[in-house]
PDB file of N, CA and C in Angstrom:
ATOM      1  N   MET A   1     -19.978 -56.893  45.550  1.00  0.00           N
ATOM      2  CA  MET A   1     -20.698 -55.686  45.884  1.00  0.00           C
ATOM      3  C   MET A   1     -21.850 -55.490  44.897  1.00  0.00           C
ATOM      4  N   LEU A   2     -22.999 -55.116  45.406  1.00  0.00           N
ATOM      5  CA  LEU A   2     -24.160 -54.884  44.565  1.00  0.00           C
ATOM      6  C   LEU A   2     -24.094 -53.508  43.924  1.00  0.00           C
ATOM      7  N   ALA A   3     -24.604 -53.430  42.717  1.00  0.00           N
ATOM      8  CA  ALA A   3     -24.671 -52.141  42.030  1.00  0.00           C
ATOM      9  C   ALA A   3     -25.700 -51.260  42.723  1.00  0.00           C
ATOM     10  N   LYS A   4     -25.446 -49.959  42.728  1.00  0.00           N
ATOM     11  CA  LYS A   4     -26.410 -49.016  43.292  1.00  0.00           C
ATOM     12  C   LYS A   4     -27.621 -48.975  42.363  1.00  0.00           C
ATOM     13  N   LEU A   5     -28.788 -49.188  42.937  1.00  0.00           N
ATOM     14  CA  LEU A   5     -30.006 -49.205  42.138  1.00  0.00           C
ATOM     15  C   LEU A   5     -30.762 -47.890  42.297  1.00  0.00           C
ATOM     16  N   THR A   6     -31.402 -47.497  41.219  1.00  0.00           N
ATOM     17  CA  THR A   6     -32.195 -46.269  41.186  1.00  0.00           C
ATOM     18  C   THR A   6     -33.629 -46.633  40.838  1.00  0.00           C
ATOM     19  N   GLU A   7     -34.571 -46.029  41.559  1.00  0.00           N
ATOM     20  CA  GLU A   7     -35.977 -46.311  41.292  1.00  0.00           C
ATOM     21  C   GLU A   7     -36.478 -45.442  40.150  1.00  0.00           C
ATOM     22  N   VAL A   8     -37.062 -46.096  39.157  1.00  0.00           N
ATOM     23  CA  VAL A   8     -37.723 -45.424  38.035  1.00  0.00           C
ATOM     24  C   VAL A   8     -39.125 -46.039  37.931  1.00  0.00           C
ATOM     25  N   ARG A   9     -39.812 -45.816  36.845  1.00  0.00           N
ATOM     26  CA  ARG A   9     -41.153 -46.360  36.667  1.00  0.00           C
ATOM     27  C   ARG A   9     -41.229 -47.209  35.399  1.00  0.00           C
ATOM     28  N   ALA A  10     -42.037 -48.258  35.465  1.00  0.00           N
ATOM     29  CA  ALA A  10     -42.362 -49.067  34.296  1.00  0.00           C
ATOM     30  C   ALA A  10     -43.836 -48.805  34.001  1.00  0.00           C
ATOM     31  N   VAL A  11     -44.097 -48.151  32.890  1.00  0.00           N
ATOM     32  CA  VAL A  11     -45.477 -47.895  32.461  1.00  0.00           C
ATOM     33  C   VAL A  11     -45.857 -49.006  31.501  1.00  0.00           C
ATOM     34  N   ARG A  12     -46.969 -49.655  31.785  1.00  0.00           N
ATOM     35  CA  ARG A  12     -47.427 -50.777  30.956  1.00  0.00           C
ATOM     36  C   ARG A  12     -48.762 -50.417  30.335  1.00  0.00           C
ATOM     37  N   ILE A  13     -48.844 -50.581  29.026  1.00  0.00           N
ATOM     38  CA  ILE A  13     -50.039 -50.211  28.283  1.00  0.00           C
ATOM     39  C   ILE A  13     -50.459 -51.396  27.424  1.00  0.00           C
ATOM     40  N   ILE A  14     -51.730 -51.732  27.481  1.00  0.00           N
ATOM     41  CA  ILE A  14     -52.310 -52.727  26.579  1.00  0.00           C
ATOM     42  C   ILE A  14     -53.397 -52.002  25.807  1.00  0.00           C
ATOM     43  N   CYS A  15     -53.302 -52.055  24.485  1.00  0.00           N
ATOM     44  CA  CYS A  15     -54.265 -51.303  23.683  1.00  0.00           C
ATOM     45  C   CYS A  15     -54.431 -51.937  22.299  1.00  0.00           C
ATOM     46  N   ASP A  16     -55.374 -51.385  21.557  1.00  0.00           N
ATOM     47  CA  ASP A  16     -55.584 -51.837  20.185  1.00  0.00           C
ATOM     48  C   ASP A  16     -54.353 -51.507  19.340  1.00  0.00           C
ATOM     49  N   SER A  17     -53.919 -52.436  18.519  1.00  0.00           N
ATOM     50  CA  SER A  17     -52.716 -52.264  17.696  1.00  0.00           C
ATOM     51  C   SER A  17     -52.813 -51.088  16.733  1.00  0.00           C
ATOM     52  N   VAL A  18     -54.021 -50.731  16.319  1.00  0.00           N
ATOM     53  CA  VAL A  18     -54.167 -49.612  15.382  1.00  0.00           C
ATOM     54  C   VAL A  18     -53.722 -48.293  16.001  1.00  0.00           C
ATOM     55  N   LEU A  19     -53.574 -48.247  17.323  1.00  0.00           N
ATOM     56  CA  LEU A  19     -53.139 -47.027  18.007  1.00  0.00           C
ATOM     57  C   LEU A  19     -51.622 -46.876  18.040  1.00  0.00           C
ATOM     58  N   LYS A  20     -50.893 -47.904  17.616  1.00  0.00           N
ATOM     59  CA  LYS A  20     -49.445 -47.956  17.819  1.00  0.00           C
ATOM     60  C   LYS A  20     -48.699 -46.714  17.330  1.00  0.00           C
ATOM     61  N   ASP A  21     -48.807 -46.363  16.082  1.00  0.00           N
ATOM     62  CA  ASP A  21     -47.997 -45.267  15.545  1.00  0.00           C
ATOM     63  C   ASP A  21     -48.281 -43.947  16.239  1.00  0.00           C
ATOM     64  N   ASP A  22     -49.561 -43.637  16.436  1.00  0.00           N
ATOM     65  CA  ASP A  22     -49.928 -42.394  17.116  1.00  0.00           C
ATOM     66  C   ASP A  22     -49.460 -42.419  18.570  1.00  0.00           C
ATOM     67  N   LEU A  23     -49.638 -43.554  19.242  1.00  0.00           N
ATOM     68  CA  LEU A  23     -49.237 -43.678  20.638  1.00  0.00           C
ATOM     69  C   LEU A  23     -47.727 -43.529  20.793  1.00  0.00           C
ATOM     70  N   LEU A  24     -46.955 -44.177  19.929  1.00  0.00           N
ATOM     71  CA  LEU A  24     -45.494 -44.068  20.019  1.00  0.00           C
ATOM     72  C   LEU A  24     -45.027 -42.630  19.815  1.00  0.00           C
ATOM     73  N   GLN A  25     -45.659 -41.910  18.904  1.00  0.00           N
ATOM     74  CA  GLN A  25     -45.301 -40.499  18.702  1.00  0.00           C
ATOM     75  C   GLN A  25     -45.615 -39.682  19.957  1.00  0.00           C
ATOM     76  N   HIS A  26     -46.776 -39.931  20.569  1.00  0.00           N
ATOM     77  CA  HIS A  26     -47.134 -39.208  21.781  1.00  0.00           C
ATOM     78  C   HIS A  26     -46.212 -39.563  22.946  1.00  0.00           C
ATOM     79  N   LEU A  27     -45.819 -40.825  23.053  1.00  0.00           N
ATOM     80  CA  LEU A  27     -44.887 -41.215  24.116  1.00  0.00           C
ATOM     81  C   LEU A  27     -43.580 -40.438  23.975  1.00  0.00           C
ATOM     82  N   HIS A  28     -43.084 -40.337  22.765  1.00  0.00           N
ATOM     83  CA  HIS A  28     -41.868 -39.563  22.510  1.00  0.00           C
ATOM     84  C   HIS A  28     -42.080 -38.100  22.902  1.00  0.00           C
ATOM     85  N   ASP A  29     -43.201 -37.523  22.474  1.00  0.00           N
ATOM     86  CA  ASP A  29     -43.508 -36.127  22.783  1.00  0.00           C
ATOM     87  C   ASP A  29     -43.644 -35.889  24.288  1.00  0.00           C
ATOM     88  N   LEU A  30     -44.075 -36.902  25.024  1.00  0.00           N
ATOM     89  CA  LEU A  30     -44.245 -36.783  26.475  1.00  0.00           C
ATOM     90  C   LEU A  30     -42.948 -37.005  27.249  1.00  0.00           C
ATOM     91  N   GLY A  31     -41.878 -37.363  26.537  1.00  0.00           N
ATOM     92  CA  GLY A  31     -40.575 -37.487  27.190  1.00  0.00           C
ATOM     93  C   GLY A  31     -39.997 -38.887  27.271  1.00  0.00           C
ATOM     94  N   ALA A  32     -40.696 -39.888  26.754  1.00  0.00           N
ATOM     95  CA  ALA A  32     -40.156 -41.251  26.760  1.00  0.00           C
ATOM     96  C   ALA A  32     -38.976 -41.328  25.798  1.00  0.00           C
ATOM     97  N   THR A  33     -37.909 -41.964  26.235  1.00  0.00           N
ATOM     98  CA  THR A  33     -36.719 -42.090  25.388  1.00  0.00           C
ATOM     99  C   THR A  33     -36.668 -43.433  24.668  1.00  0.00           C
ATOM    100  N   GLY A  34     -37.568 -44.337  25.016  1.00  0.00           N
ATOM    101  CA  GLY A  34     -37.615 -45.645  24.368  1.00  0.00           C
ATOM    102  C   GLY A  34     -38.741 -46.479  24.943  1.00  0.00           C
ATOM    103  N   TRP A  35     -38.997 -47.614  24.320  1.00  0.00           N
ATOM    104  CA  TRP A  35     -40.087 -48.504  24.717  1.00  0.00           C
ATOM    105  C   TRP A  35     -39.893 -49.856  24.062  1.00  0.00           C
ATOM    106  N   THR A  36     -40.659 -50.809  24.534  1.00  0.00           N
ATOM    107  CA  THR A  36     -40.702 -52.144  23.949  1.00  0.00           C
ATOM    108  C   THR A  36     -42.168 -52.483  23.748  1.00  0.00           C
ATOM    109  N   TRP A  37     -42.506 -53.094  22.617  1.00  0.00           N
ATOM    110  CA  TRP A  37     -43.890 -53.495  22.387  1.00  0.00           C
ATOM    111  C   TRP A  37     -43.919 -54.833  21.670  1.00  0.00           C
ATOM    112  N   TRP A  38     -45.024 -55.537  21.856  1.00  0.00           N
ATOM    113  CA  TRP A  38     -45.266 -56.788  21.152  1.00  0.00           C
ATOM    114  C   TRP A  38     -46.762 -57.068  21.152  1.00  0.00           C
ATOM    115  N   ARG A  39     -47.177 -58.018  20.349  1.00  0.00           N
ATOM    116  CA  ARG A  39     -48.581 -58.407  20.253  1.00  0.00           C
ATOM    117  C   ARG A  39     -49.020 -59.004  21.588  1.00  0.00           C
ATOM    118  N   ALA A  40     -50.251 -58.725  21.983  1.00  0.00           N
ATOM    119  CA  ALA A  40     -50.757 -59.203  23.267  1.00  0.00           C
ATOM    120  C   ALA A  40     -51.907 -60.184  23.052  1.00  0.00           C
ATOM    121  N   HIS A  41     -51.900 -61.222  23.847  1.00  0.00           N
ATOM    122  CA  HIS A  41     -52.980 -62.204  23.861  1.00  0.00           C
ATOM    123  C   HIS A  41     -53.368 -62.400  25.317  1.00  0.00           C
ATOM    124  N   GLY A  42     -54.639 -62.574  25.587  1.00  0.00           N
ATOM    125  CA  GLY A  42     -55.046 -62.795  26.964  1.00  0.00           C
ATOM    126  C   GLY A  42     -56.547 -62.795  27.110  1.00  0.00           C
ATOM    127  N   LYS A  43     -56.988 -62.845  28.345  1.00  0.00           N
ATOM    128  CA  LYS A  43     -58.412 -62.851  28.660  1.00  0.00           C
ATOM    129  C   LYS A  43     -58.629 -61.826  29.754  1.00  0.00           C
ATOM    130  N   GLY A  44     -59.625 -61.000  29.569  1.00  0.00           N
ATOM    131  CA  GLY A  44     -59.921 -59.970  30.561  1.00  0.00           C
ATOM    132  C   GLY A  44     -61.033 -59.073  30.081  1.00  0.00           C
ATOM    133  N   GLU A  45     -60.919 -57.803  30.396  1.00  0.00           N
ATOM    134  CA  GLU A  45     -61.961 -56.830  30.066  1.00  0.00           C
ATOM    135  C   GLU A  45     -62.207 -56.736  28.572  1.00  0.00           C
ATOM    136  N   HIS A  46     -61.153 -56.787  27.774  1.00  0.00           N
ATOM    137  CA  HIS A  46     -61.277 -56.674  26.322  1.00  0.00           C
ATOM    138  C   HIS A  46     -60.903 -58.006  25.680  1.00  0.00           C
ATOM    139  N   THR A  47     -61.666 -58.428  24.685  1.00  0.00           N
ATOM    140  CA  THR A  47     -61.376 -59.687  24.009  1.00  0.00           C
ATOM    141  C   THR A  47     -60.103 -59.550  23.183  1.00  0.00           C
ATOM    142  N   THR A  48     -59.426 -60.658  22.974  1.00  0.00           N
ATOM    143  CA  THR A  48     -58.210 -60.657  22.170  1.00  0.00           C
ATOM    144  C   THR A  48     -58.311 -61.692  21.057  1.00  0.00           C
ATOM    145  N   ASP A  49     -59.456 -61.723  20.393  1.00  0.00           N
ATOM    146  CA  ASP A  49     -59.627 -62.640  19.273  1.00  0.00           C
ATOM    147  C   ASP A  49     -58.661 -62.276  18.158  1.00  0.00           C
ATOM    148  N   ASP A  50     -58.166 -63.303  17.461  1.00  0.00           N
ATOM    149  CA  ASP A  50     -57.268 -63.065  16.342  1.00  0.00           C
ATOM    150  C   ASP A  50     -57.985 -62.292  15.248  1.00  0.00           C
ATOM    151  N   GLY A  51     -57.244 -61.460  14.535  1.00  0.00           N
ATOM    152  CA  GLY A  51     -57.792 -60.684  13.437  1.00  0.00           C
ATOM    153  C   GLY A  51     -57.953 -61.530  12.188  1.00  0.00           C
ATOM    154  N   LEU A  52     -58.258 -60.880  11.118  1.00  0.00           N
ATOM    155  CA  LEU A  52     -58.526 -61.534   9.841  1.00  0.00           C
ATOM    156  C   LEU A  52     -57.356 -62.410   9.389  1.00  0.00           C
ATOM    157  N   PHE A  53     -56.142 -61.964   9.626  1.00  0.00           N
ATOM    158  CA  PHE A  53     -54.953 -62.707   9.179  1.00  0.00           C
ATOM    159  C   PHE A  53     -54.256 -63.402  10.339  1.00  0.00           C
ATOM    160  N   ASN A  54     -55.045 -63.841  11.322  1.00  0.00           N
ATOM    161  CA  ASN A  54     -54.534 -64.577  12.466  1.00  0.00           C
ATOM    162  C   ASN A  54     -53.525 -63.757  13.265  1.00  0.00           C
ATOM    163  N   GLU A  55     -53.765 -62.462  13.327  1.00  0.00           N
ATOM    164  CA  GLU A  55     -52.882 -61.556  14.043  1.00  0.00           C
ATOM    165  C   GLU A  55     -53.661 -60.917  15.183  1.00  0.00           C
ATOM    166  N   SER A  56     -53.058 -60.804  16.339  1.00  0.00           N
ATOM    167  CA  SER A  56     -53.736 -60.214  17.482  1.00  0.00           C
ATOM    168  C   SER A  56     -53.973 -58.723  17.248  1.00  0.00           C
ATOM    169  N   PRO A  57     -55.195 -58.265  17.517  1.00  0.00           N
ATOM    170  CA  PRO A  57     -55.470 -56.846  17.335  1.00  0.00           C
ATOM    171  C   PRO A  57     -55.005 -55.993  18.519  1.00  0.00           C
ATOM    172  N   GLN A  58     -54.470 -56.619  19.575  1.00  0.00           N
ATOM    173  CA  GLN A  58     -53.982 -55.872  20.727  1.00  0.00           C
ATOM    174  C   GLN A  58     -52.463 -55.927  20.819  1.00  0.00           C
ATOM    175  N   MET A  59     -51.906 -54.934  21.507  1.00  0.00           N
ATOM    176  CA  MET A  59     -50.463 -54.914  21.749  1.00  0.00           C
ATOM    177  C   MET A  59     -50.194 -54.562  23.202  1.00  0.00           C
ATOM    178  N   TYR A  60     -49.040 -54.985  23.677  1.00  0.00           N
ATOM    179  CA  TYR A  60     -48.539 -54.659  25.009  1.00  0.00           C
ATOM    180  C   TYR A  60     -47.341 -53.757  24.793  1.00  0.00           C
ATOM    181  N   LEU A  61     -47.279 -52.672  25.524  1.00  0.00           N
ATOM    182  CA  LEU A  61     -46.184 -51.717  25.376  1.00  0.00           C
ATOM    183  C   LEU A  61     -45.661 -51.374  26.760  1.00  0.00           C
ATOM    184  N   GLU A  62     -44.343 -51.329  26.905  1.00  0.00           N
ATOM    185  CA  GLU A  62     -43.756 -50.975  28.196  1.00  0.00           C
ATOM    186  C   GLU A  62     -42.724 -49.885  28.003  1.00  0.00           C
ATOM    187  N   VAL A  63     -42.805 -48.881  28.872  1.00  0.00           N
ATOM    188  CA  VAL A  63     -41.879 -47.746  28.859  1.00  0.00           C
ATOM    189  C   VAL A  63     -41.209 -47.673  30.223  1.00  0.00           C
ATOM    190  N   TRP A  64     -39.886 -47.615  30.249  1.00  0.00           N
ATOM    191  CA  TRP A  64     -39.160 -47.341  31.476  1.00  0.00           C
ATOM    192  C   TRP A  64     -38.813 -45.865  31.463  1.00  0.00           C
ATOM    193  N   CYS A  65     -39.161 -45.166  32.528  1.00  0.00           N
ATOM    194  CA  CYS A  65     -38.971 -43.724  32.551  1.00  0.00           C
ATOM    195  C   CYS A  65     -38.944 -43.215  33.989  1.00  0.00           C
ATOM    196  N   HIS A  66     -38.658 -41.929  34.125  1.00  0.00           N
ATOM    197  CA  HIS A  66     -38.698 -41.298  35.435  1.00  0.00           C
ATOM    198  C   HIS A  66     -40.148 -40.956  35.791  1.00  0.00           C
ATOM    199  N   THR A  67     -40.392 -40.703  37.054  1.00  0.00           N
ATOM    200  CA  THR A  67     -41.748 -40.488  37.571  1.00  0.00           C
ATOM    201  C   THR A  67     -42.504 -39.400  36.827  1.00  0.00           C
ATOM    202  N   ALA A  68     -41.871 -38.277  36.548  1.00  0.00           N
ATOM    203  CA  ALA A  68     -42.568 -37.169  35.877  1.00  0.00           C
ATOM    204  C   ALA A  68     -43.084 -37.584  34.507  1.00  0.00           C
ATOM    205  N   VAL A  69     -42.295 -38.346  33.765  1.00  0.00           N
ATOM    206  CA  VAL A  69     -42.717 -38.814  32.438  1.00  0.00           C
ATOM    207  C   VAL A  69     -43.830 -39.843  32.596  1.00  0.00           C
ATOM    208  N   ALA A  70     -43.711 -40.736  33.570  1.00  0.00           N
ATOM    209  CA  ALA A  70     -44.752 -41.744  33.811  1.00  0.00           C
ATOM    210  C   ALA A  70     -46.089 -41.076  34.117  1.00  0.00           C
ATOM    211  N   GLU A  71     -46.061 -40.019  34.909  1.00  0.00           N
ATOM    212  CA  GLU A  71     -47.302 -39.314  35.240  1.00  0.00           C
ATOM    213  C   GLU A  71     -47.927 -38.692  33.993  1.00  0.00           C
ATOM    214  N   LYS A  72     -47.120 -38.132  33.110  1.00  0.00           N
ATOM    215  CA  LYS A  72     -47.627 -37.555  31.861  1.00  0.00           C
ATOM    216  C   LYS A  72     -48.245 -38.637  30.973  1.00  0.00           C
ATOM    217  N   ILE A  73     -47.574 -39.779  30.890  1.00  0.00           N
ATOM    218  CA  ILE A  73     -48.079 -40.886  30.063  1.00  0.00           C
ATOM    219  C   ILE A  73     -49.406 -41.401  30.621  1.00  0.00           C
ATOM    220  N   MET A  74     -49.481 -41.582  31.943  1.00  0.00           N
ATOM    221  CA  MET A  74     -50.719 -42.076  32.544  1.00  0.00           C
ATOM    222  C   MET A  74     -51.858 -41.078  32.346  1.00  0.00           C
ATOM    223  N   LYS A  75     -51.567 -39.802  32.465  1.00  0.00           N
ATOM    224  CA  LYS A  75     -52.594 -38.779  32.238  1.00  0.00           C
ATOM    225  C   LYS A  75     -53.100 -38.856  30.800  1.00  0.00           C
ATOM    226  N   TYR A  76     -52.178 -39.007  29.853  1.00  0.00           N
ATOM    227  CA  TYR A  76     -52.553 -39.116  28.446  1.00  0.00           C
ATOM    228  C   TYR A  76     -53.384 -40.380  28.192  1.00  0.00           C
ATOM    229  N   CYS A  77     -52.940 -41.514  28.716  1.00  0.00           N
ATOM    230  CA  CYS A  77     -53.640 -42.785  28.476  1.00  0.00           C
ATOM    231  C   CYS A  77     -55.018 -42.817  29.125  1.00  0.00           C
ATOM    232  N   ASN A  78     -55.222 -42.036  30.157  1.00  0.00           N
ATOM    233  CA  ASN A  78     -56.516 -41.992  30.834  1.00  0.00           C
ATOM    234  C   ASN A  78     -57.353 -40.785  30.427  1.00  0.00           C
ATOM    235  N   SER A  79     -56.938 -40.103  29.368  1.00  0.00           N
ATOM    236  CA  SER A  79     -57.671 -38.926  28.905  1.00  0.00           C
ATOM    237  C   SER A  79     -58.906 -39.331  28.098  1.00  0.00           C
ATOM    238  N   SER A  80     -59.751 -38.362  27.841  1.00  0.00           N
ATOM    239  CA  SER A  80     -60.970 -38.618  27.071  1.00  0.00           C
ATOM    240  C   SER A  80     -60.665 -39.027  25.633  1.00  0.00           C
ATOM    241  N   HIS A  81     -59.416 -38.826  25.200  1.00  0.00           N
ATOM    242  CA  HIS A  81     -58.990 -39.239  23.857  1.00  0.00           C
ATOM    243  C   HIS A  81     -59.238 -40.738  23.645  1.00  0.00           C
ATOM    244  N   PHE A  82     -59.177 -41.515  24.724  1.00  0.00           N
ATOM    245  CA  PHE A  82     -59.295 -42.968  24.619  1.00  0.00           C
ATOM    246  C   PHE A  82     -60.604 -43.515  25.190  1.00  0.00           C
ATOM    247  N   THR A  83     -61.592 -42.658  25.391  1.00  0.00           N
ATOM    248  CA  THR A  83     -62.893 -43.119  25.869  1.00  0.00           C
ATOM    249  C   THR A  83     -63.490 -44.091  24.844  1.00  0.00           C
ATOM    250  N   HIS A  84     -63.963 -45.214  25.318  1.00  0.00           N
ATOM    251  CA  HIS A  84     -64.594 -46.252  24.486  1.00  0.00           C
ATOM    252  C   HIS A  84     -63.614 -46.909  23.512  1.00  0.00           C
ATOM    253  N   ILE A  85     -62.333 -46.805  23.795  1.00  0.00           N
ATOM    254  CA  ILE A  85     -61.308 -47.487  22.994  1.00  0.00           C
ATOM    255  C   ILE A  85     -60.599 -48.454  23.932  1.00  0.00           C
ATOM    256  N   GLY A  86     -60.294 -49.638  23.445  1.00  0.00           N
ATOM    257  CA  GLY A  86     -59.650 -50.643  24.276  1.00  0.00           C
ATOM    258  C   GLY A  86     -58.247 -50.255  24.686  1.00  0.00           C
ATOM    259  N   MET A  87     -58.115 -49.687  25.893  1.00  0.00           N
ATOM    260  CA  MET A  87     -56.790 -49.360  26.414  1.00  0.00           C
ATOM    261  C   MET A  87     -56.796 -49.535  27.926  1.00  0.00           C
ATOM    262  N   ALA A  88     -55.745 -50.151  28.437  1.00  0.00           N
ATOM    263  CA  ALA A  88     -55.517 -50.252  29.875  1.00  0.00           C
ATOM    264  C   ALA A  88     -54.072 -49.852  30.122  1.00  0.00           C
ATOM    265  N   ALA A  89     -53.843 -49.060  31.165  1.00  0.00           N
ATOM    266  CA  ALA A  89     -52.481 -48.612  31.471  1.00  0.00           C
ATOM    267  C   ALA A  89     -52.262 -48.670  32.971  1.00  0.00           C
ATOM    268  N   GLY A  90     -51.050 -48.997  33.351  1.00  0.00           N
ATOM    269  CA  GLY A  90     -50.677 -49.032  34.758  1.00  0.00           C
ATOM    270  C   GLY A  90     -49.205 -48.694  34.902  1.00  0.00           C
ATOM    271  N   VAL A  91     -48.798 -48.417  36.118  1.00  0.00           N
ATOM    272  CA  VAL A  91     -47.408 -48.043  36.373  1.00  0.00           C
ATOM    273  C   VAL A  91     -46.938 -48.713  37.664  1.00  0.00           C
ATOM    274  N   THR A  92     -45.699 -49.189  37.649  1.00  0.00           N
ATOM    275  CA  THR A  92     -45.107 -49.823  38.821  1.00  0.00           C
ATOM    276  C   THR A  92     -43.686 -49.320  39.014  1.00  0.00           C
ATOM    277  N   PRO A  93     -43.174 -49.386  40.248  1.00  0.00           N
ATOM    278  CA  PRO A  93     -41.776 -49.034  40.467  1.00  0.00           C
ATOM    279  C   PRO A  93     -40.865 -50.092  39.842  1.00  0.00           C
ATOM    280  N   LEU A  94     -39.709 -49.640  39.405  1.00  0.00           N
ATOM    281  CA  LEU A  94     -38.723 -50.529  38.789  1.00  0.00           C
ATOM    282  C   LEU A  94     -37.346 -50.070  39.240  1.00  0.00           C
ATOM    283  N   TYR A  95     -36.498 -50.993  39.627  1.00  0.00           N
ATOM    284  CA  TYR A  95     -35.158 -50.646  40.095  1.00  0.00           C
ATOM    285  C   TYR A  95     -34.139 -51.045  39.043  1.00  0.00           C
ATOM    286  N   VAL A  96     -33.382 -50.063  38.573  1.00  0.00           N
ATOM    287  CA  VAL A  96     -32.372 -50.283  37.541  1.00  0.00           C
ATOM    288  C   VAL A  96     -31.048 -49.688  38.017  1.00  0.00           C
ATOM    289  N   SER A  97     -29.983 -49.997  37.306  1.00  0.00           N
ATOM    290  CA  SER A  97     -28.688 -49.421  37.658  1.00  0.00           C
ATOM    291  C   SER A  97     -28.731 -47.911  37.449  1.00  0.00           C
ATOM    292  N   ALA A  98     -27.859 -47.208  38.131  1.00  0.00           N
ATOM    293  CA  ALA A  98     -27.792 -45.755  37.997  1.00  0.00           C
ATOM    294  C   ALA A  98     -27.506 -45.365  36.548  1.00  0.00           C
ATOM    295  N   ALA A  99     -26.686 -46.157  35.859  1.00  0.00           N
ATOM    296  CA  ALA A  99     -26.359 -45.875  34.454  1.00  0.00           C
ATOM    297  C   ALA A  99     -27.600 -46.011  33.580  1.00  0.00           C
ATOM    298  N   GLN A 100     -28.412 -47.047  33.815  1.00  0.00           N
ATOM    299  CA  GLN A 100     -29.646 -47.211  33.038  1.00  0.00           C
ATOM    300  C   GLN A 100     -30.616 -46.066  33.316  1.00  0.00           C
ATOM    301  N   ALA A 101     -30.728 -45.671  34.569  1.00  0.00           N
ATOM    302  CA  ALA A 101     -31.630 -44.573  34.928  1.00  0.00           C
ATOM    303  C   ALA A 101     -31.191 -43.282  34.256  1.00  0.00           C
ATOM    304  N   LYS A 102     -29.899 -43.045  34.192  1.00  0.00           N
ATOM    305  CA  LYS A 102     -29.386 -41.825  33.558  1.00  0.00           C
ATOM    306  C   LYS A 102     -29.715 -41.824  32.070  1.00  0.00           C
ATOM    307  N   ALA A 103     -29.687 -42.989  31.442  1.00  0.00           N
ATOM    308  CA  ALA A 103     -29.984 -43.102  30.003  1.00  0.00           C
ATOM    309  C   ALA A 103     -31.450 -42.791  29.686  1.00  0.00           C
ATOM    310  N   LEU A 104     -32.315 -42.796  30.704  1.00  0.00           N
ATOM    311  CA  LEU A 104     -33.728 -42.519  30.497  1.00  0.00           C
ATOM    312  C   LEU A 104     -34.021 -41.020  30.388  1.00  0.00           C
ATOM    313  N   GLY A 105     -33.005 -40.208  30.516  1.00  0.00           N
ATOM    314  CA  GLY A 105     -33.182 -38.765  30.425  1.00  0.00           C
ATOM    315  C   GLY A 105     -33.178 -38.136  31.799  1.00  0.00           C
ATOM    316  N   PRO A 106     -33.388 -36.829  31.843  1.00  0.00           N
ATOM    317  CA  PRO A 106     -33.358 -36.133  33.139  1.00  0.00           C
ATOM    318  C   PRO A 106     -34.498 -36.583  34.053  1.00  0.00           C
ATOM    319  N   ALA A 107     -34.187 -36.669  35.330  1.00  0.00           N
ATOM    320  CA  ALA A 107     -35.196 -37.107  36.324  1.00  0.00           C
ATOM    321  C   ALA A 107     -36.161 -35.982  36.649  1.00  0.00           C
TER     322      ALA A 107
END
């Protein structure tokens, strides 16, 4: 028997690494209960040249959350606060177990 799946959202953010601490605090304030992040490398709108110490200046961050929190995060990431700063954000549906969805906080 398959586990009952619940639809939540996966918010994906690619941004300059210097934004990490402030961004993580805002994600918490907006209702995110957790996230995963790592250094990002790639080719696209923003260059990802290695920094002075061979470290990527960009990071990829993913938050699993309920729709209301995802909407708050997307509004924040697309606000004028980040005008002319390297940031891209998107959101997709994600299906997780009911127990995992409950751990993300109230829907």
